[in-house]
């Protein structure tokens, strides 16, 4: 609360002139004392004080109910007291106006400094530290911190702090399990006597006073920013106002940083997935839209195995770096073909490619797409830009379809998105049987595509692990 000095009021020439004029007008003699009884003004009319002049009456001079001095004299001196009351309250109003203007300047300056520095900060800890540094310019405290709600644990995690790290849940019992009801989390709050608060719980750490403000955006609550002191500090409404302003600005900056971090993570995931899955399917997986799941489940899909015939023999004449160079060129071209037919690259095993059609996203005609991809892969080999690849790489392709288990399979340390089942083994066996340039399919693929493509029946073959033989057909392309 602003205070005013009676001595300073009557020491101003204009005020002293008005007081003297009023004393002359009412024809009296007065004395003016400060709150401690020290004489400030004695007989300003400069006339002899006769024995009959009464200075025994004492009238208080007040500013907003607070006594700041005294006027001594007869009943006429009440007018002097009222004049001083008026001048004192006018002085307080001036001080309030000046204080308000100063606070507004501080707020504007605070927002300007923060807005100037925020664009250079993208990391959460750096943003939080920026706002703590700015708060320390205006708010007293031994320590402070910025805490964010962990969506997985539903607890507050400290992301930046100075002094002793402090978490509101260490000192205060929440009213229920909802973290938003915690101290300073759901709303801004001041506690100047922490141990007297009914929510206080004993802790190894000791604080006396604290001020907290929530970090909120239009989308919801993110966390809390707080300042505290081990020594007694009387935090004010102005301190709370500054911290609330900072909290609102910090929440927006933190939300943007989280969006930026999530975007980078999404881009990394997307970049990795696009090596195996067509880009349109990658976006569908990220958005979690459509009938897409990576959890292991039975699905009707088509499996394609493609392998270069006599690869080891053909590459004996090449140096290792040339083999890698040619393989990378070959894989890049083949993957483009598979993707163009909405297939998923399951894995590379040496020079072999394993692709799936119908997972993770369903295809209306996964057998037809697989056959079209196989034909395009054989044709693509004949048009490769490197002559050595065109002359030496001949692939045998095996295709089968049916219900298999598809999804992320492996250990907690490493997972593969793959397919397991009889049809996978059949496709692998057909690929091993196929000559260079040949495409062999199982009976299930033949039945699904016989009206679209021409085939030659090769008879039945035995597959390891299966009692019944499998019908084999060669695609006539």
Protein backbone atom coordinates (compact mmCIF):
# COMPACT_ATOMS: atom_id res chain seq x y z
CA UNK A 1 0.00 0.00 0.00
CA UNK A 2 1.33 3.41 -0.94
CA UNK A 3 2.14 5.83 1.93
CA UNK A 4 2.40 9.59 2.13
CA UNK A 5 4.44 11.95 4.35
CA UNK A 6 2.70 14.91 5.99
CA UNK A 7 6.04 16.69 6.22
CA UNK A 8 6.50 16.53 2.45
CA UNK A 9 2.97 17.77 1.83
CA UNK A 10 3.29 20.94 3.91
CA UNK A 11 6.84 21.57 2.69
CA UNK A 12 5.60 22.25 -0.82
CA UNK A 13 5.34 26.02 -1.39
CA UNK A 14 1.88 25.89 -2.98
CA UNK A 15 0.45 23.72 -0.21
CA UNK A 16 2.03 25.87 2.51
CA UNK A 17 0.61 29.01 0.87
CA UNK A 18 -2.93 27.59 0.83
CA UNK A 19 -2.64 26.48 4.47
CA UNK A 20 -1.43 29.94 5.55
CA UNK A 21 -4.22 31.67 3.63
CA UNK A 22 -6.86 29.42 5.26
CA UNK A 23 -5.41 30.09 8.76
CA UNK A 24 -5.59 33.84 8.09
CA UNK A 25 -9.14 33.53 6.74
CA UNK A 26 -10.47 31.70 9.79
CA UNK A 27 -8.35 33.87 12.10
CA UNK A 28 -6.79 31.20 14.24
CA UNK A 29 -3.40 29.83 15.32
CA UNK A 30 -2.45 26.15 14.88
CA UNK A 31 0.40 23.71 15.25
CA UNK A 32 0.96 20.73 12.87
CA UNK A 33 2.77 17.59 14.07
CA UNK A 34 3.78 14.33 12.35
CA UNK A 35 2.53 10.91 13.53
CA UNK A 36 5.24 10.79 16.19
CA UNK A 37 4.39 14.23 17.61
CA UNK A 38 7.31 16.08 16.01
CA UNK A 39 6.40 19.70 15.31
CA UNK A 40 6.22 20.43 11.57
CA UNK A 41 4.52 23.84 11.53
CA UNK A 42 4.11 26.27 14.46
CA UNK A 43 1.99 29.45 14.35
CA UNK A 44 2.40 30.15 10.60
CA UNK A 45 0.67 33.58 11.07
CA UNK A 46 3.74 34.74 13.07
CA UNK A 47 1.59 36.49 15.68
CA UNK A 48 2.01 36.32 19.43
CA UNK A 49 0.17 33.42 20.98
CA UNK A 50 -1.87 34.89 23.80
CA UNK A 51 -2.45 32.99 26.96
CA UNK A 52 -6.08 32.51 26.02
CA UNK A 53 -5.26 30.78 22.68
CA UNK A 54 -6.23 27.11 22.95
CA UNK A 55 -3.78 24.59 21.33
CA UNK A 56 -4.89 21.72 23.51
CA UNK A 57 -7.37 20.20 20.98
CA UNK A 58 -5.72 17.62 18.75
CA UNK A 59 -7.27 16.58 15.41
CA UNK A 60 -5.94 13.62 13.33
CA UNK A 61 -4.82 14.07 9.71
CA UNK A 62 -5.76 10.89 7.76
CA UNK A 63 -5.02 9.42 4.37
CA UNK A 64 -7.40 6.57 3.49
CA UNK A 65 -8.12 5.96 7.16
CA UNK A 66 -4.48 5.92 8.23
CA UNK A 67 -3.35 8.69 10.64
CA UNK A 68 -0.29 10.50 9.28
CA UNK A 69 -0.18 13.51 11.67
CA UNK A 70 -2.02 15.94 13.91
CA UNK A 71 -3.38 19.48 13.90
CA UNK A 72 -3.52 21.34 17.26
CA UNK A 73 -5.77 24.31 17.84
CA UNK A 74 -9.30 25.40 18.61
CA UNK A 75 -12.36 24.17 16.76
CA UNK A 76 -11.44 26.35 13.79
CA UNK A 77 -8.40 24.13 13.29
CA UNK A 78 -10.74 21.37 12.03
CA UNK A 79 -10.83 23.19 8.70
CA UNK A 80 -7.02 22.95 8.52
CA UNK A 81 -7.27 19.23 9.33
CA UNK A 82 -9.80 18.70 6.51
CA UNK A 83 -7.57 20.58 4.06
CA UNK A 84 -4.60 18.40 5.00
CA UNK A 85 -6.77 15.27 4.65
CA UNK A 86 -7.67 16.36 1.12
CA UNK A 87 -4.05 17.13 0.16
CA UNK A 88 -2.86 13.80 1.60
CA UNK A 89 -5.44 11.77 -0.34
CA UNK A 90 -4.64 13.69 -3.52
CA UNK A 91 -0.99 12.78 -3.03
CA UNK A 92 -1.93 9.12 -2.65
CA UNK A 93 -3.96 9.18 -5.86
CA UNK A 94 -0.95 10.62 -7.69
CA UNK A 95 1.24 7.87 -6.26
CA UNK A 96 -1.30 5.21 -7.29
CA UNK A 97 -1.42 6.59 -10.80
CA UNK A 98 2.37 6.66 -11.00
CA UNK A 99 2.57 3.11 -9.66
CA UNK A 100 -0.03 1.90 -12.18
CA UNK A 101 1.85 3.53 -15.04
CA UNK A 102 5.11 1.98 -13.81
CA UNK A 103 3.47 -1.46 -13.57
CA UNK A 104 2.10 -1.11 -17.09
CA UNK A 105 5.54 -0.14 -18.32
CA UNK A 106 7.03 -3.19 -16.61
CA UNK A 107 4.39 -5.44 -18.16
CA UNK A 108 4.95 -4.02 -21.64
CA UNK A 109 8.71 -4.22 -21.23
CA UNK A 110 8.39 -7.79 -19.94
CA UNK A 111 6.26 -8.88 -22.91
CA UNK A 112 8.63 -7.13 -25.32
CA UNK A 113 11.71 -8.87 -23.91
CA UNK A 114 10.01 -12.26 -23.92
CA UNK A 115 8.60 -11.91 -27.45
CA UNK A 116 12.04 -10.84 -28.66
CA UNK A 117 13.75 -13.94 -27.24
CA UNK A 118 11.09 -16.63 -27.79
CA UNK A 119 11.67 -17.14 -31.56
CA UNK A 120 15.22 -18.34 -30.88
CA UNK A 121 14.03 -21.01 -28.41
CA UNK A 122 12.61 -24.33 -29.60
CA UNK A 123 13.70 -26.65 -26.80
CA UNK A 124 11.33 -26.97 -23.84
CA UNK A 125 14.03 -26.52 -21.20
CA UNK A 126 15.37 -23.38 -22.93
CA UNK A 127 11.89 -21.84 -23.13
CA UNK A 128 11.17 -22.62 -19.48
CA UNK A 129 14.53 -21.15 -18.41
CA UNK A 130 13.81 -17.99 -20.40
CA UNK A 131 10.58 -17.36 -18.47
CA UNK A 132 12.19 -18.16 -15.13
CA UNK A 133 14.96 -15.64 -15.87
CA UNK A 134 12.40 -12.96 -16.73
CA UNK A 135 10.35 -13.71 -13.63
CA UNK A 136 13.43 -13.33 -11.41
CA UNK A 137 13.77 -9.73 -12.57
CA UNK A 138 10.44 -8.86 -10.94
CA UNK A 139 9.58 -11.48 -8.33
CA UNK A 140 11.65 -12.33 -5.21
CA UNK A 141 12.42 -15.94 -4.39
CA UNK A 142 15.11 -18.45 -3.44
CA UNK A 143 13.96 -20.96 -6.04
CA UNK A 144 11.52 -21.46 -8.86
CA UNK A 145 10.57 -24.01 -11.46
CA UNK A 146 8.47 -24.80 -14.51
CA UNK A 147 6.65 -28.13 -14.40
CA UNK A 148 4.70 -29.91 -17.12
CA UNK A 149 2.04 -32.57 -16.75
CA UNK A 150 3.32 -35.94 -17.94
CA UNK A 151 0.46 -37.41 -19.98
CA UNK A 152 1.61 -40.97 -19.25
CA UNK A 153 2.15 -40.76 -15.48
CA UNK A 154 -0.29 -37.87 -14.85
CA UNK A 155 2.34 -36.33 -12.59
CA UNK A 156 4.27 -33.06 -12.73
CA UNK A 157 7.75 -33.23 -14.23
CA UNK A 158 10.23 -30.38 -13.64
CA UNK A 159 11.69 -29.24 -16.97
CA UNK A 160 13.64 -26.23 -15.70
CA UNK A 161 14.44 -24.75 -12.29
CA UNK A 162 16.76 -22.52 -10.27
CA UNK A 163 17.69 -22.94 -6.62
CA UNK A 164 16.24 -25.98 -4.88
CA UNK A 165 13.89 -27.86 -7.13
CA UNK A 166 10.34 -27.69 -5.86
CA UNK A 167 7.20 -29.60 -6.81
CA UNK A 168 3.85 -28.45 -5.33
CA UNK A 169 2.83 -32.05 -4.64
CA UNK A 170 5.72 -32.34 -2.14
CA UNK A 171 4.08 -29.86 0.22
CA UNK A 172 0.35 -29.99 -0.41
CA UNK A 173 -2.20 -32.77 -0.32
CA UNK A 174 -4.38 -32.59 -3.43
CA UNK A 175 -8.12 -32.63 -2.79
CA UNK A 176 -8.55 -35.61 -5.14
CA UNK A 177 -6.68 -37.53 -7.80
CA UNK A 178 -7.29 -34.82 -10.41
CA UNK A 179 -4.00 -33.01 -10.84
CA UNK A 180 -5.79 -29.87 -12.03
CA UNK A 181 -6.97 -29.32 -8.44
CA UNK A 182 -3.39 -29.04 -7.22
CA UNK A 183 -1.94 -25.88 -5.74
CA UNK A 184 -1.33 -23.24 -8.40
CA UNK A 185 -2.11 -25.71 -11.15
CA UNK A 186 -5.78 -25.12 -11.82
CA UNK A 187 -5.57 -21.44 -10.80
CA UNK A 188 -3.03 -18.80 -9.79
CA UNK A 189 -2.43 -18.65 -6.04
CA UNK A 190 -0.35 -17.06 -3.26
CA UNK A 191 0.52 -18.80 0.03
CA UNK A 192 2.61 -16.58 2.29
CA UNK A 193 2.53 -18.88 5.31
CA UNK A 194 2.95 -22.35 3.83
CA UNK A 195 2.94 -24.28 7.10
CA UNK A 196 -0.32 -22.64 8.18
CA UNK A 197 -2.12 -23.78 5.04
CA UNK A 198 -4.57 -26.67 5.73
CA UNK A 199 -3.26 -28.52 2.68
CA UNK A 200 0.32 -28.52 3.97
CA UNK A 201 2.07 -31.86 4.46
CA UNK A 202 5.43 -32.39 6.15
CA UNK A 203 8.43 -32.56 3.80
CA UNK A 204 12.19 -32.80 4.02
CA UNK A 205 12.29 -29.55 2.09
CA UNK A 206 11.32 -26.33 3.80
CA UNK A 207 9.69 -23.26 2.27
CA UNK A 208 7.91 -20.32 3.85
CA UNK A 209 6.16 -18.54 0.98
CA UNK A 210 5.21 -19.34 -2.58
CA UNK A 211 3.36 -18.02 -5.59
CA UNK A 212 2.12 -20.26 -8.44
CA UNK A 213 0.44 -19.71 -11.80
CA UNK A 214 -0.94 -22.27 -14.26
CA UNK A 215 0.35 -22.84 -17.78
CA UNK A 216 -2.88 -22.91 -19.79
CA UNK A 217 -3.78 -22.65 -23.45
CA UNK A 218 -7.09 -22.87 -25.26
CA UNK A 219 -6.47 -26.61 -25.61
CA UNK A 220 -6.07 -27.17 -21.88
CA UNK A 221 -3.70 -27.25 -18.94
CA UNK A 222 0.02 -27.89 -19.58
CA UNK A 223 1.58 -27.41 -16.16
CA UNK A 224 2.58 -24.74 -13.62
CA UNK A 225 5.23 -22.07 -13.00
CA UNK A 226 6.10 -21.28 -9.38
CA UNK A 227 8.36 -19.16 -7.19
CA UNK A 228 9.05 -19.85 -3.52
CA UNK A 229 11.22 -18.66 -0.67
CA UNK A 230 12.69 -20.37 2.38
CA UNK A 231 12.72 -17.00 4.13
CA UNK A 232 9.47 -15.13 4.92
CA UNK A 233 8.36 -13.20 1.83
CA UNK A 234 5.08 -11.36 1.51
CA UNK A 235 4.15 -12.09 -2.09
CA UNK A 236 1.72 -9.49 -3.43
CA UNK A 237 -1.10 -9.38 -5.94
CA UNK A 238 1.32 -7.62 -8.28
CA UNK A 239 3.75 -10.56 -8.04
CA UNK A 240 0.89 -12.91 -8.88
CA UNK A 241 -0.14 -10.72 -11.80
CA UNK A 242 3.37 -10.75 -13.27
CA UNK A 243 3.67 -14.52 -12.84
CA UNK A 244 0.24 -15.07 -14.42
CA UNK A 245 1.24 -12.96 -17.43
CA UNK A 246 4.45 -14.96 -17.77
CA UNK A 247 2.53 -18.21 -17.34
CA UNK A 248 0.17 -17.35 -20.19
CA UNK A 249 3.06 -16.43 -22.48
CA UNK A 250 5.08 -19.49 -21.44
CA UNK A 251 2.13 -21.80 -22.10
CA UNK A 252 1.83 -20.58 -25.70
CA UNK A 253 5.55 -20.93 -26.32
CA UNK A 254 5.69 -24.39 -24.73
CA UNK A 255 2.69 -25.55 -26.75
CA UNK A 256 4.43 -24.43 -29.95
CA UNK A 257 7.62 -26.21 -28.88
CA UNK A 258 5.66 -29.40 -28.20
CA UNK A 259 4.00 -29.15 -31.61
CA UNK A 260 7.43 -28.61 -33.20
CA UNK A 261 8.89 -31.60 -31.36
CA UNK A 262 5.95 -33.81 -32.30
CA UNK A 263 6.21 -32.65 -35.90
CA UNK A 264 9.90 -33.56 -36.04
CA UNK A 265 9.16 -36.95 -34.49
CA UNK A 266 6.36 -37.50 -36.99
CA UNK A 267 8.66 -36.58 -39.86
CA UNK A 268 11.31 -39.02 -38.61
CA UNK A 269 8.73 -41.80 -38.33
CA UNK A 270 7.32 -40.92 -41.72
CA UNK A 271 10.77 -40.91 -43.31
CA UNK A 272 11.52 -44.36 -41.90
CA UNK A 273 8.14 -45.83 -42.83
CA UNK A 274 8.33 -44.50 -46.37
CA UNK A 275 11.28 -46.81 -46.97
CA UNK A 276 8.88 -49.74 -46.64
CA UNK A 277 5.36 -48.44 -47.22
CA UNK A 278 3.84 -46.12 -49.87
CA UNK A 279 3.62 -42.52 -48.67
CA UNK A 280 -0.19 -42.48 -48.71
CA UNK A 281 -0.24 -45.42 -46.29
CA UNK A 282 2.37 -43.81 -44.06
CA UNK A 283 0.18 -40.75 -43.57
CA UNK A 284 -2.81 -42.97 -42.84
CA UNK A 285 -0.85 -44.80 -40.14
CA UNK A 286 0.34 -41.53 -38.56
CA UNK A 287 -3.17 -40.12 -38.58
CA UNK A 288 -4.51 -43.45 -37.22
CA UNK A 289 -7.29 -43.37 -39.77
CA UNK A 290 -8.80 -46.22 -41.70
CA UNK A 291 -8.57 -49.91 -40.99
CA UNK A 292 -4.88 -49.88 -40.10
CA UNK A 293 -3.23 -51.58 -37.13
CA UNK A 294 0.29 -52.78 -36.39
CA UNK A 295 -0.89 -55.18 -33.68
CA UNK A 296 -0.40 -58.84 -34.71
CA UNK A 297 -3.64 -60.22 -36.19
CA UNK A 298 -4.83 -62.64 -38.87
CA UNK A 299 -5.34 -60.97 -42.24
CA UNK A 300 -5.96 -62.17 -45.81
CA UNK A 301 -2.97 -60.86 -47.78
CA UNK A 302 -0.77 -61.73 -50.75
CA UNK A 303 2.95 -62.42 -50.29
CA UNK A 304 5.55 -61.86 -53.02
CA UNK A 305 9.13 -63.19 -52.90
CA UNK A 306 11.62 -62.03 -55.55
CA UNK A 307 15.21 -63.21 -55.74
CA UNK A 308 18.10 -62.72 -58.22
CA UNK A 309 19.13 -66.03 -59.76
CA UNK A 310 22.78 -67.07 -59.27
CA UNK A 311 23.52 -63.73 -57.63
CA UNK A 312 26.69 -64.86 -55.83
CA UNK A 313 28.21 -66.38 -59.01
CA UNK A 314 27.36 -63.35 -61.14
CA UNK A 315 28.90 -60.94 -58.62
CA UNK A 316 32.20 -62.79 -58.17
CA UNK A 317 33.82 -60.62 -60.83
CA UNK A 318 32.81 -57.39 -59.05
CA UNK A 319 34.43 -55.50 -56.20
CA UNK A 320 32.41 -55.21 -52.99
CA UNK A 321 31.55 -51.52 -53.41
CA UNK A 322 30.24 -52.19 -56.95
CA UNK A 323 28.01 -54.99 -55.69
CA UNK A 324 26.52 -52.66 -53.08
CA UNK A 325 26.09 -49.89 -55.66
CA UNK A 326 24.27 -52.18 -58.12
CA UNK A 327 22.11 -53.72 -55.39
CA UNK A 328 21.04 -50.29 -54.13
CA UNK A 329 20.10 -49.24 -57.67
CA UNK A 330 18.17 -52.48 -58.18
CA UNK A 331 16.34 -52.27 -54.82
CA UNK A 332 15.43 -48.62 -55.37
CA UNK A 333 13.85 -49.42 -58.72
CA UNK A 334 12.00 -52.51 -57.46
CA UNK A 335 10.67 -50.75 -54.35
CA UNK A 336 9.26 -47.96 -56.53
CA UNK A 337 7.38 -50.58 -58.53
CA UNK A 338 6.03 -52.28 -55.41
CA UNK A 339 4.91 -48.96 -53.95
CA UNK A 340 3.21 -47.97 -57.19
CA UNK A 341 1.02 -51.07 -56.78
CA UNK A 342 0.23 -50.28 -53.11
CA UNK A 343 2.49 -52.99 -51.76
CA UNK A 344 4.51 -52.97 -48.55
CA UNK A 345 8.18 -53.94 -48.48
CA UNK A 346 8.47 -56.45 -45.66
CA UNK A 347 12.21 -57.04 -45.74
CA UNK A 348 15.40 -57.48 -47.77
CA UNK A 349 17.25 -60.76 -47.24
CA UNK A 350 20.53 -60.53 -49.13
CA UNK A 351 19.38 -59.93 -52.71
CA UNK A 352 15.83 -61.15 -52.02
CA UNK A 353 12.82 -58.85 -51.64
CA UNK A 354 9.75 -59.82 -49.61
CA UNK A 355 6.63 -57.72 -50.19
CA UNK A 356 3.07 -57.82 -48.86
CA UNK A 357 -0.14 -56.68 -50.51
CA UNK A 358 -3.08 -56.02 -48.19
CA UNK A 359 -1.19 -55.03 -45.04
CA UNK A 360 -1.12 -52.82 -43.12
CA UNK A 361 -3.90 -51.34 -45.27
CA UNK A 362 -6.54 -53.48 -46.95
CA UNK A 363 -6.53 -53.75 -50.73
CA UNK A 364 -9.63 -54.53 -52.74
CA UNK A 365 -7.66 -56.81 -55.08
CA UNK A 366 -4.41 -57.72 -53.35
CA UNK A 367 -3.76 -60.76 -55.61
CA UNK A 368 -4.22 -58.70 -58.78
CA UNK A 369 -1.97 -55.95 -57.46
CA UNK A 370 0.74 -58.45 -56.59
CA UNK A 371 0.65 -60.00 -60.09
CA UNK A 372 0.75 -56.56 -61.71
CA UNK A 373 3.71 -55.63 -59.51
CA UNK A 374 5.58 -58.84 -60.39
CA UNK A 375 5.11 -58.23 -64.12
CA UNK A 376 6.25 -54.61 -63.74
CA UNK A 377 9.33 -55.70 -61.76
CA UNK A 378 10.37 -58.11 -64.54
CA UNK A 379 9.85 -55.42 -67.18
CA UNK A 380 11.69 -52.83 -65.10
CA UNK A 381 14.79 -55.03 -65.01
CA UNK A 382 14.97 -54.91 -68.80
CA UNK A 383 15.04 -51.10 -68.78
CA UNK A 384 17.51 -50.47 -65.94
CA UNK A 385 20.00 -47.72 -66.89
CA UNK A 386 23.07 -49.78 -65.90
CA UNK A 387 23.95 -52.33 -68.65
CA UNK A 388 25.58 -54.78 -66.21
CA UNK A 389 22.33 -55.00 -64.18
CA UNK A 390 20.25 -55.55 -67.30
CA UNK A 391 22.55 -58.34 -68.48
CA UNK A 392 23.18 -60.15 -65.19
CA UNK A 393 20.17 -59.67 -62.91
CA UNK A 394 17.40 -62.19 -63.63
CA UNK A 395 14.77 -62.69 -60.95
CA UNK A 396 12.53 -65.56 -60.00
CA UNK A 397 9.27 -64.57 -58.32
CA UNK A 398 6.89 -66.62 -56.16
CA UNK A 399 3.45 -65.41 -55.06
CA UNK A 400 0.88 -66.90 -52.69
CA UNK A 401 -2.17 -65.57 -50.86
CA UNK A 402 -4.28 -66.44 -47.84
CA UNK A 403 -4.78 -65.72 -44.15
CA UNK A 404 -1.59 -65.16 -42.16
CA UNK A 405 -0.60 -63.40 -38.92
CA UNK A 406 0.59 -59.87 -39.69
CA UNK A 407 1.92 -57.21 -37.29
CA UNK A 408 4.79 -56.12 -35.10
CA UNK A 409 6.56 -59.29 -34.00
CA UNK A 410 9.76 -59.56 -31.95
CA UNK A 411 11.13 -58.57 -28.56
CA UNK A 412 10.65 -55.36 -26.55
CA UNK A 413 14.11 -54.27 -27.77
CA UNK A 414 13.43 -54.89 -31.46
CA UNK A 415 10.22 -55.34 -33.43
CA UNK A 416 9.64 -56.17 -37.11
CA UNK A 417 6.45 -55.61 -39.02
CA UNK A 418 6.17 -58.98 -40.79
CA UNK A 419 3.92 -61.89 -41.75
CA UNK A 420 3.95 -65.46 -40.44
CA UNK A 421 2.00 -68.43 -41.80
CA UNK A 422 1.75 -71.23 -44.38
CA UNK A 423 1.22 -68.84 -47.29
CA UNK A 424 4.52 -67.11 -46.51
CA UNK A 425 6.32 -70.45 -46.68
CA UNK A 426 4.53 -71.36 -49.93
CA UNK A 427 5.54 -68.05 -51.58
CA UNK A 428 9.15 -68.60 -50.50
CA UNK A 429 9.11 -72.16 -51.91
CA UNK A 430 7.65 -71.00 -55.23
CA UNK A 431 10.31 -68.30 -55.51
CA UNK A 432 13.02 -70.92 -54.96
CA UNK A 433 11.51 -73.05 -57.76
CA UNK A 434 11.22 -70.18 -60.28
CA UNK A 435 13.80 -69.71 -63.01
CA UNK A 436 15.13 -66.32 -64.03
CA UNK A 437 12.30 -64.31 -65.56
CA UNK A 438 9.65 -66.76 -64.29
CA UNK A 439 6.66 -65.92 -62.04
CA UNK A 440 5.08 -68.83 -60.15
CA UNK A 441 1.84 -68.53 -58.16
CA UNK A 442 -0.19 -70.73 -55.84
CA UNK A 443 -3.69 -72.03 -56.53
CA UNK A 444 -5.28 -69.27 -54.41
CA UNK A 445 -3.65 -66.54 -56.54
CA UNK A 446 -4.55 -68.38 -59.74
CA UNK A 447 -8.24 -68.65 -58.77
CA UNK A 448 -8.40 -64.94 -57.92
CA UNK A 449 -6.71 -63.71 -61.13
CA UNK A 450 -7.33 -66.36 -63.81
CA UNK A 451 -9.83 -64.10 -65.56
CA UNK A 452 -7.24 -61.31 -65.79
CA UNK A 453 -4.08 -63.21 -66.70
CA UNK A 454 -3.01 -66.33 -68.56
CA UNK A 455 -1.39 -69.24 -66.71
CA UNK A 456 0.14 -72.61 -67.39
CA UNK A 457 -0.46 -75.35 -64.82
CA UNK A 458 2.75 -76.97 -63.59
CA UNK A 459 1.22 -79.55 -61.29
CA UNK A 460 1.54 -80.09 -57.56
CA UNK A 461 4.54 -79.72 -55.28
CA UNK A 462 5.23 -80.62 -51.67
CA UNK A 463 6.01 -77.87 -49.19
CA UNK A 464 8.08 -78.57 -46.08
CA UNK A 465 5.82 -78.63 -43.04
CA UNK A 466 2.62 -79.20 -45.05
CA UNK A 467 1.00 -82.62 -45.55
CA UNK A 468 -0.98 -81.60 -48.61
CA UNK A 469 0.63 -80.68 -51.90
CA UNK A 470 0.23 -77.24 -53.46
CA UNK A 471 -0.99 -76.48 -56.98
CA UNK A 472 1.55 -74.40 -58.91
CA UNK A 473 0.87 -72.16 -61.92
CA UNK A 474 3.24 -70.22 -64.14
CA UNK A 475 2.19 -66.77 -65.31
CA UNK A 476 2.40 -66.48 -69.07
CA UNK A 477 3.54 -62.94 -69.66
